[in-house]
N, C-alpha and C. Protein backbone atom coordinates (compact mmCIF):
# COMPACT_ATOMS: atom_id res chain seq x y z
N MET A 1 -14.46 -81.04 -61.25
CA MET A 1 -14.17 -81.36 -59.94
C MET A 1 -12.67 -80.76 -59.51
N ASP A 2 -12.75 -79.92 -58.11
CA ASP A 2 -11.87 -79.25 -57.69
C ASP A 2 -10.90 -80.28 -57.10
N THR A 3 -9.61 -80.16 -57.21
CA THR A 3 -8.71 -80.92 -56.41
C THR A 3 -8.46 -80.80 -54.93
N SER A 4 -8.27 -81.84 -54.36
CA SER A 4 -7.97 -81.70 -52.92
C SER A 4 -6.85 -81.91 -52.86
N LEU A 5 -6.08 -81.41 -51.65
CA LEU A 5 -4.50 -81.06 -51.26
C LEU A 5 -4.40 -81.40 -49.44
N VAL A 6 -3.75 -81.98 -49.09
CA VAL A 6 -3.45 -82.03 -47.42
C VAL A 6 -1.92 -81.56 -47.76
N SER A 7 -1.91 -81.02 -46.59
CA SER A 7 -0.34 -80.30 -46.51
C SER A 7 -0.17 -79.95 -45.24
N ASP A 8 1.12 -79.87 -44.87
CA ASP A 8 1.57 -79.59 -43.46
C ASP A 8 1.82 -78.23 -43.62
N ASP A 9 1.57 -77.49 -42.19
CA ASP A 9 1.45 -76.10 -41.88
C ASP A 9 2.09 -76.06 -40.50
N PRO A 10 3.38 -76.43 -40.66
CA PRO A 10 4.41 -76.63 -39.28
C PRO A 10 4.25 -75.49 -38.47
N SER A 11 4.34 -73.97 -39.12
CA SER A 11 4.31 -72.77 -38.39
C SER A 11 2.73 -72.47 -37.36
N ASN A 12 1.94 -73.48 -37.77
CA ASN A 12 0.58 -73.37 -37.01
C ASN A 12 0.39 -74.98 -36.49
N SER A 13 1.51 -75.70 -36.41
CA SER A 13 1.00 -77.36 -36.04
C SER A 13 0.04 -77.73 -36.53
N ARG A 14 -0.29 -77.81 -37.71
CA ARG A 14 -1.58 -78.42 -38.43
C ARG A 14 -1.42 -79.05 -39.54
N PHE A 15 -2.17 -79.99 -40.00
CA PHE A 15 -2.10 -80.31 -41.40
C PHE A 15 -3.76 -79.62 -42.09
N VAL A 16 -3.36 -79.12 -43.30
CA VAL A 16 -4.73 -78.72 -43.76
C VAL A 16 -4.71 -79.20 -44.87
N LEU A 17 -6.52 -79.23 -44.95
CA LEU A 17 -7.00 -79.75 -46.26
C LEU A 17 -7.82 -78.58 -47.10
N THR A 18 -7.22 -78.66 -48.14
CA THR A 18 -7.87 -77.34 -49.06
C THR A 18 -8.58 -78.36 -50.60
N VAL A 19 -9.75 -77.63 -50.91
CA VAL A 19 -10.26 -78.46 -51.97
C VAL A 19 -10.60 -76.99 -52.74
N GLY A 20 -9.73 -76.80 -54.13
CA GLY A 20 -9.83 -76.07 -54.86
C GLY A 20 -9.15 -74.65 -53.90
N ASP A 21 -9.81 -73.48 -53.80
CA ASP A 21 -9.20 -72.34 -53.06
C ASP A 21 -9.69 -72.49 -51.62
N ALA A 22 -10.79 -73.49 -51.24
CA ALA A 22 -11.37 -73.18 -50.01
C ALA A 22 -10.75 -74.24 -48.87
N LEU A 23 -10.50 -73.70 -47.89
CA LEU A 23 -10.03 -74.42 -46.90
C LEU A 23 -11.31 -75.50 -46.30
N VAL A 24 -10.93 -76.65 -45.97
CA VAL A 24 -12.11 -77.62 -45.68
C VAL A 24 -11.72 -77.86 -44.07
N GLY A 25 -10.77 -78.02 -43.99
CA GLY A 25 -10.67 -78.76 -42.74
C GLY A 25 -9.10 -78.61 -42.00
N ILE A 26 -8.86 -78.95 -40.75
CA ILE A 26 -7.50 -79.03 -39.90
C ILE A 26 -7.30 -80.12 -39.13
N LEU A 27 -6.29 -80.62 -39.19
CA LEU A 27 -5.79 -81.82 -38.28
C LEU A 27 -4.80 -80.94 -37.35
N ALA A 28 -5.23 -80.57 -36.02
CA ALA A 28 -3.93 -80.01 -35.06
C ALA A 28 -3.10 -81.33 -34.67
N TYR A 29 -1.79 -80.74 -34.36
CA TYR A 29 -0.86 -81.89 -33.67
C TYR A 29 0.34 -81.20 -33.15
N GLU A 30 0.86 -82.01 -32.07
CA GLU A 30 2.05 -81.33 -31.47
C GLU A 30 3.19 -82.25 -31.57
N VAL A 31 4.39 -82.15 -32.04
CA VAL A 31 5.39 -82.69 -31.87
C VAL A 31 6.16 -82.89 -30.61
N ALA A 32 6.11 -84.46 -30.03
CA ALA A 32 6.39 -84.38 -28.70
C ALA A 32 8.19 -83.99 -28.36
N PRO A 33 8.34 -83.57 -27.24
CA PRO A 33 9.51 -83.16 -27.22
C PRO A 33 10.54 -84.26 -26.87
N ASP A 34 11.67 -84.12 -27.50
CA ASP A 34 12.81 -85.10 -27.77
C ASP A 34 12.20 -86.36 -28.02
N SER A 35 11.22 -86.35 -29.21
CA SER A 35 10.89 -87.80 -29.72
C SER A 35 10.58 -87.38 -31.16
N ASP A 36 10.45 -88.60 -32.00
CA ASP A 36 10.03 -88.82 -33.17
C ASP A 36 8.63 -89.13 -33.51
N THR A 37 7.73 -88.89 -32.32
CA THR A 37 6.19 -89.22 -32.45
C THR A 37 5.45 -87.71 -32.57
N VAL A 38 4.34 -87.73 -33.14
CA VAL A 38 3.44 -86.43 -33.41
C VAL A 38 2.02 -86.81 -32.70
N VAL A 39 1.81 -86.14 -31.59
CA VAL A 39 0.47 -86.39 -31.27
C VAL A 39 -0.59 -85.49 -32.25
N LEU A 40 -1.30 -86.48 -32.63
CA LEU A 40 -2.62 -85.87 -33.45
C LEU A 40 -3.66 -85.68 -32.62
N GLN A 41 -3.79 -84.41 -32.47
CA GLN A 41 -5.09 -83.93 -31.36
C GLN A 41 -6.29 -83.72 -31.54
N HIS A 42 -6.44 -83.07 -32.67
CA HIS A 42 -8.10 -82.85 -33.22
C HIS A 42 -8.32 -82.59 -34.50
N THR A 43 -9.03 -83.17 -35.06
CA THR A 43 -9.66 -82.80 -36.53
C THR A 43 -10.82 -82.20 -36.39
N VAL A 44 -11.11 -81.16 -37.46
CA VAL A 44 -11.94 -80.32 -37.81
C VAL A 44 -12.21 -80.14 -39.46
N VAL A 45 -13.53 -80.26 -39.46
CA VAL A 45 -13.99 -79.85 -40.97
C VAL A 45 -15.09 -79.06 -41.05
N LYS A 46 -14.83 -77.87 -41.63
CA LYS A 46 -16.01 -77.04 -41.73
C LYS A 46 -17.27 -77.36 -42.02
N GLU A 47 -18.27 -76.91 -41.34
CA GLU A 47 -19.79 -77.34 -41.28
C GLU A 47 -20.20 -77.58 -42.93
N GLU A 48 -19.91 -77.02 -43.46
CA GLU A 48 -20.47 -76.84 -45.04
C GLU A 48 -19.60 -77.77 -45.58
N PHE A 49 -18.68 -78.69 -45.13
CA PHE A 49 -17.97 -79.70 -46.18
C PHE A 49 -18.45 -80.70 -45.21
N GLY A 50 -19.22 -81.02 -44.25
CA GLY A 50 -19.48 -82.05 -43.44
C GLY A 50 -20.23 -83.27 -43.85
N ASP A 51 -20.12 -84.44 -43.75
CA ASP A 51 -20.83 -85.38 -44.10
C ASP A 51 -20.39 -85.86 -45.73
N HIS A 52 -19.44 -85.28 -46.25
CA HIS A 52 -18.77 -86.03 -47.43
C HIS A 52 -17.62 -86.79 -47.44
N GLY A 53 -16.97 -87.06 -46.25
CA GLY A 53 -15.76 -87.91 -46.20
C GLY A 53 -14.47 -87.08 -46.42
N TRP A 54 -14.47 -85.73 -46.09
CA TRP A 54 -13.49 -85.01 -46.08
C TRP A 54 -12.54 -85.34 -44.71
N ALA A 55 -13.12 -85.58 -43.61
CA ALA A 55 -12.42 -85.73 -42.65
C ALA A 55 -11.12 -87.11 -42.82
N ALA A 56 -11.97 -88.08 -43.55
CA ALA A 56 -10.95 -89.19 -43.66
C ALA A 56 -9.91 -88.84 -44.78
N VAL A 57 -10.08 -87.91 -46.03
CA VAL A 57 -9.38 -87.68 -46.87
C VAL A 57 -8.28 -86.74 -45.94
N LEU A 58 -8.45 -86.02 -44.95
CA LEU A 58 -7.42 -85.33 -44.13
C LEU A 58 -6.60 -86.03 -43.39
N VAL A 59 -7.40 -87.00 -42.61
CA VAL A 59 -6.44 -87.89 -41.68
C VAL A 59 -5.59 -88.94 -42.79
N ARG A 60 -6.15 -89.36 -44.06
CA ARG A 60 -5.21 -90.10 -44.58
C ARG A 60 -4.24 -89.46 -45.32
N GLY A 61 -4.30 -88.26 -45.60
CA GLY A 61 -3.18 -87.42 -46.04
C GLY A 61 -2.34 -87.24 -45.16
N ALA A 62 -2.62 -86.74 -44.10
CA ALA A 62 -1.81 -86.46 -42.81
C ALA A 62 -0.99 -87.67 -42.43
N LEU A 63 -1.57 -88.88 -42.38
CA LEU A 63 -0.86 -89.99 -42.02
C LEU A 63 0.07 -90.46 -43.16
N ASP A 64 -0.28 -90.13 -44.42
CA ASP A 64 0.70 -90.78 -45.39
C ASP A 64 2.00 -89.55 -45.17
N ILE A 65 1.64 -88.30 -45.16
CA ILE A 65 2.94 -87.42 -45.05
C ILE A 65 3.88 -87.85 -43.81
N LEU A 66 3.10 -87.94 -42.47
CA LEU A 66 3.91 -88.64 -41.35
C LEU A 66 4.80 -90.22 -41.85
N ARG A 67 4.20 -90.64 -42.30
CA ARG A 67 4.68 -92.09 -42.67
C ARG A 67 6.08 -91.83 -43.52
N ILE A 68 5.82 -91.09 -44.64
CA ILE A 68 7.08 -90.48 -45.56
C ILE A 68 8.27 -90.08 -44.91
N GLY A 69 7.87 -89.34 -43.63
CA GLY A 69 9.03 -88.89 -42.79
C GLY A 69 9.16 -89.90 -41.71
N ASP A 70 8.76 -91.00 -41.61
CA ASP A 70 9.04 -92.07 -40.92
C ASP A 70 8.93 -91.50 -39.48
N LEU A 71 7.73 -91.29 -39.21
CA LEU A 71 7.34 -90.59 -37.83
C LEU A 71 6.65 -91.45 -37.14
N SER A 72 6.41 -91.59 -35.90
CA SER A 72 5.19 -92.32 -35.20
C SER A 72 4.14 -91.47 -34.89
N ILE A 73 3.07 -91.70 -34.54
CA ILE A 73 2.08 -90.98 -33.96
C ILE A 73 1.48 -91.62 -32.52
N TRP A 74 0.73 -90.54 -31.98
CA TRP A 74 -0.13 -90.81 -30.71
C TRP A 74 -1.57 -90.23 -31.13
N PRO A 75 -2.69 -91.23 -31.37
CA PRO A 75 -3.87 -90.46 -32.12
C PRO A 75 -4.63 -90.11 -30.75
N GLN A 76 -4.44 -88.68 -30.11
CA GLN A 76 -5.38 -88.41 -29.38
C GLN A 76 -6.79 -88.08 -29.50
N CYS A 77 -7.02 -87.89 -31.05
CA CYS A 77 -8.02 -87.29 -31.69
C CYS A 77 -9.05 -88.56 -31.52
N SER A 78 -10.19 -88.44 -31.13
CA SER A 78 -11.11 -90.01 -31.49
C SER A 78 -11.39 -90.24 -32.81
N TYR A 79 -11.36 -89.34 -33.87
CA TYR A 79 -11.49 -89.46 -35.01
C TYR A 79 -10.48 -90.35 -35.78
N VAL A 80 -9.40 -89.82 -35.40
CA VAL A 80 -8.08 -90.64 -36.10
C VAL A 80 -8.12 -92.13 -35.36
N ARG A 81 -8.37 -92.12 -34.09
CA ARG A 81 -8.43 -93.65 -33.52
C ARG A 81 -9.23 -94.39 -34.54
N ARG A 82 -10.47 -93.81 -34.74
CA ARG A 82 -11.20 -94.61 -35.55
C ARG A 82 -10.96 -95.08 -36.85
N PHE A 83 -10.37 -93.93 -37.46
CA PHE A 83 -9.83 -94.31 -38.81
C PHE A 83 -8.85 -95.40 -38.72
N ILE A 84 -7.84 -95.30 -37.99
CA ILE A 84 -6.89 -96.28 -37.94
C ILE A 84 -7.76 -97.45 -37.56
N GLY A 85 -8.62 -97.81 -36.90
CA GLY A 85 -9.29 -98.72 -36.54
C GLY A 85 -10.06 -99.58 -37.79
N ALA A 86 -10.26 -98.94 -38.79
CA ALA A 86 -10.81 -99.15 -39.89
C ALA A 86 -9.56 -99.25 -41.20
N ASN A 87 -8.36 -98.66 -40.70
CA ASN A 87 -7.56 -98.84 -41.82
C ASN A 87 -6.25 -99.23 -41.07
N ILE A 88 -5.93 -100.63 -40.64
CA ILE A 88 -4.97 -100.93 -40.11
C ILE A 88 -3.65 -100.89 -40.60
N GLU A 89 -3.66 -100.55 -41.91
CA GLU A 89 -2.30 -100.15 -42.58
C GLU A 89 -1.45 -99.09 -41.92
N TYR A 90 -2.26 -98.27 -41.07
CA TYR A 90 -1.65 -97.18 -40.41
C TYR A 90 -1.22 -97.59 -38.83
N LEU A 91 -1.71 -98.57 -38.33
CA LEU A 91 -1.61 -98.92 -37.23
C LEU A 91 -0.06 -99.37 -36.54
N VAL A 92 0.72 -99.75 -37.85
CA VAL A 92 1.91 -99.72 -37.44
C VAL A 92 2.92 -98.12 -37.07
N MET A 93 1.96 -97.22 -37.23
CA MET A 93 2.89 -96.11 -37.09
C MET A 93 2.50 -95.61 -35.49
N VAL A 94 1.68 -96.22 -34.57
CA VAL A 94 1.45 -95.74 -33.47
C VAL A 94 2.54 -96.27 -32.64
N ALA A 95 2.81 -95.17 -31.58
CA ALA A 95 3.84 -95.40 -30.77
C ALA A 95 3.22 -96.31 -29.97
N ASP A 96 4.63 -97.06 -29.35
CA ASP A 96 3.87 -98.08 -27.98
C ASP A 96 3.22 -97.26 -26.55
N GLN A 97 3.40 -96.28 -26.77
CA GLN A 97 3.07 -95.50 -25.21
C GLN A 97 3.25 -93.87 -25.63
N ALA A 98 2.63 -93.33 -24.63
CA ALA A 98 2.18 -91.79 -25.00
C ALA A 98 3.30 -91.20 -24.90
N PRO A 99 3.91 -90.13 -25.78
CA PRO A 99 5.41 -89.95 -25.53
C PRO A 99 5.57 -88.59 -24.12
N ALA A 100 6.74 -88.94 -23.51
CA ALA A 100 6.77 -88.35 -22.46
C ALA A 100 7.24 -86.72 -22.56
N GLY A 101 6.68 -86.05 -21.76
CA GLY A 101 6.74 -84.76 -21.82
C GLY A 101 5.62 -84.08 -22.61
N SER A 102 4.62 -84.72 -23.32
CA SER A 102 3.96 -84.44 -24.08
C SER A 102 2.49 -83.78 -22.94
N VAL A 103 2.37 -82.44 -23.07
CA VAL A 103 1.24 -82.08 -22.09
C VAL A 103 -0.28 -82.56 -22.81
N THR A 104 -0.25 -82.64 -23.86
CA THR A 104 -1.59 -83.37 -24.45
C THR A 104 -1.82 -84.65 -24.84
N ALA A 105 -0.80 -85.56 -24.56
CA ALA A 105 -0.89 -87.06 -24.78
C ALA A 105 -1.86 -87.63 -23.90
N ALA A 106 -2.91 -88.15 -24.18
CA ALA A 106 -3.94 -89.14 -23.44
C ALA A 106 -3.42 -90.41 -23.15
N SER A 107 -3.59 -91.07 -21.73
CA SER A 107 -3.46 -92.19 -21.59
C SER A 107 -3.93 -93.20 -22.53
N PRO A 108 -3.52 -94.59 -22.86
CA PRO A 108 -4.25 -95.07 -23.87
C PRO A 108 -4.93 -95.96 -23.49
N PRO A 109 -6.39 -96.33 -24.05
CA PRO A 109 -7.31 -96.97 -23.36
C PRO A 109 -6.87 -98.35 -23.24
N SER A 110 -7.12 -99.04 -22.19
CA SER A 110 -7.27 -100.19 -21.72
C SER A 110 -8.03 -101.19 -22.28
N SER A 111 -7.83 -102.41 -22.28
CA SER A 111 -8.64 -103.43 -22.97
C SER A 111 -7.79 -104.24 -23.78
N THR A 112 -8.37 -105.03 -25.21
CA THR A 112 -7.73 -105.81 -25.77
C THR A 112 -6.70 -104.65 -26.59
N THR A 113 -5.45 -104.78 -26.52
CA THR A 113 -4.44 -104.14 -27.01
C THR A 113 -3.66 -104.56 -28.02
N THR A 114 -3.08 -103.56 -28.70
CA THR A 114 -1.87 -103.85 -29.67
C THR A 114 -1.01 -102.78 -29.51
N GLY A 115 0.17 -103.29 -28.87
CA GLY A 115 1.01 -102.41 -28.54
C GLY A 115 0.54 -101.67 -27.15
N ALA A 116 0.29 -100.60 -27.13
CA ALA A 116 -0.29 -99.80 -25.92
C ALA A 116 -1.57 -99.33 -26.04
N TRP A 117 -1.87 -99.52 -27.66
CA TRP A 117 -3.06 -98.85 -27.85
C TRP A 117 -4.22 -99.86 -28.30
N SER A 118 -5.53 -99.30 -28.05
CA SER A 118 -6.70 -100.50 -27.95
C SER A 118 -7.41 -100.21 -29.44
N LEU A 119 -7.51 -101.34 -29.80
CA LEU A 119 -8.48 -101.16 -30.88
C LEU A 119 -10.12 -101.67 -30.40
N ALA A 120 -10.15 -102.11 -29.07
CA ALA A 120 -11.30 -102.72 -28.96
C ALA A 120 -12.85 -101.63 -28.98
N PRO A 121 -12.67 -100.32 -28.66
CA PRO A 121 -13.70 -99.32 -28.86
C PRO A 121 -13.72 -99.25 -30.12
N PHE A 122 -12.95 -99.49 -31.33
CA PHE A 122 -13.03 -98.90 -32.79
C PHE A 122 -12.99 -99.96 -33.22
N PRO A 123 -14.18 -101.05 -33.74
CA PRO A 123 -14.36 -102.11 -34.15
C PRO A 123 -13.88 -102.05 -35.69
N LEU A 124 -13.41 -102.71 -36.47
CA LEU A 124 -13.05 -102.95 -37.90
C LEU A 124 -14.25 -103.02 -38.58
N ARG A 125 -14.46 -102.15 -39.81
CA ARG A 125 -15.49 -102.24 -40.71
C ARG A 125 -15.26 -103.30 -41.34
N SER A 126 -16.36 -104.43 -41.84
CA SER A 126 -16.22 -105.48 -42.69
C SER A 126 -16.33 -105.06 -44.59
């Protein structure tokens, strides 16, 4: 079985998942200006690797890298929001509000909130 690896590619503002020598997927991000918050923008897994859980491997690896760096996140990507809803150990990393000056940061959903970020549309798995 090939080894999977999630790595940061800061020159392209993305995390990269490789399996063996194959590029499997990316998680694009933006570092918010004057902030320690990383806006997680979009998760993409190549079609031929779809439906095998690789997006979760990619997001978990990226969040673990960011946690080591003691960075907060703003999960703009709907997949990242759902992943955090199902893996609440990462919830403490979510910033209280969208970072100022970030051109891509979406407004937090309103509803039942934890901080400024809603778990309501993303029920936890039992």
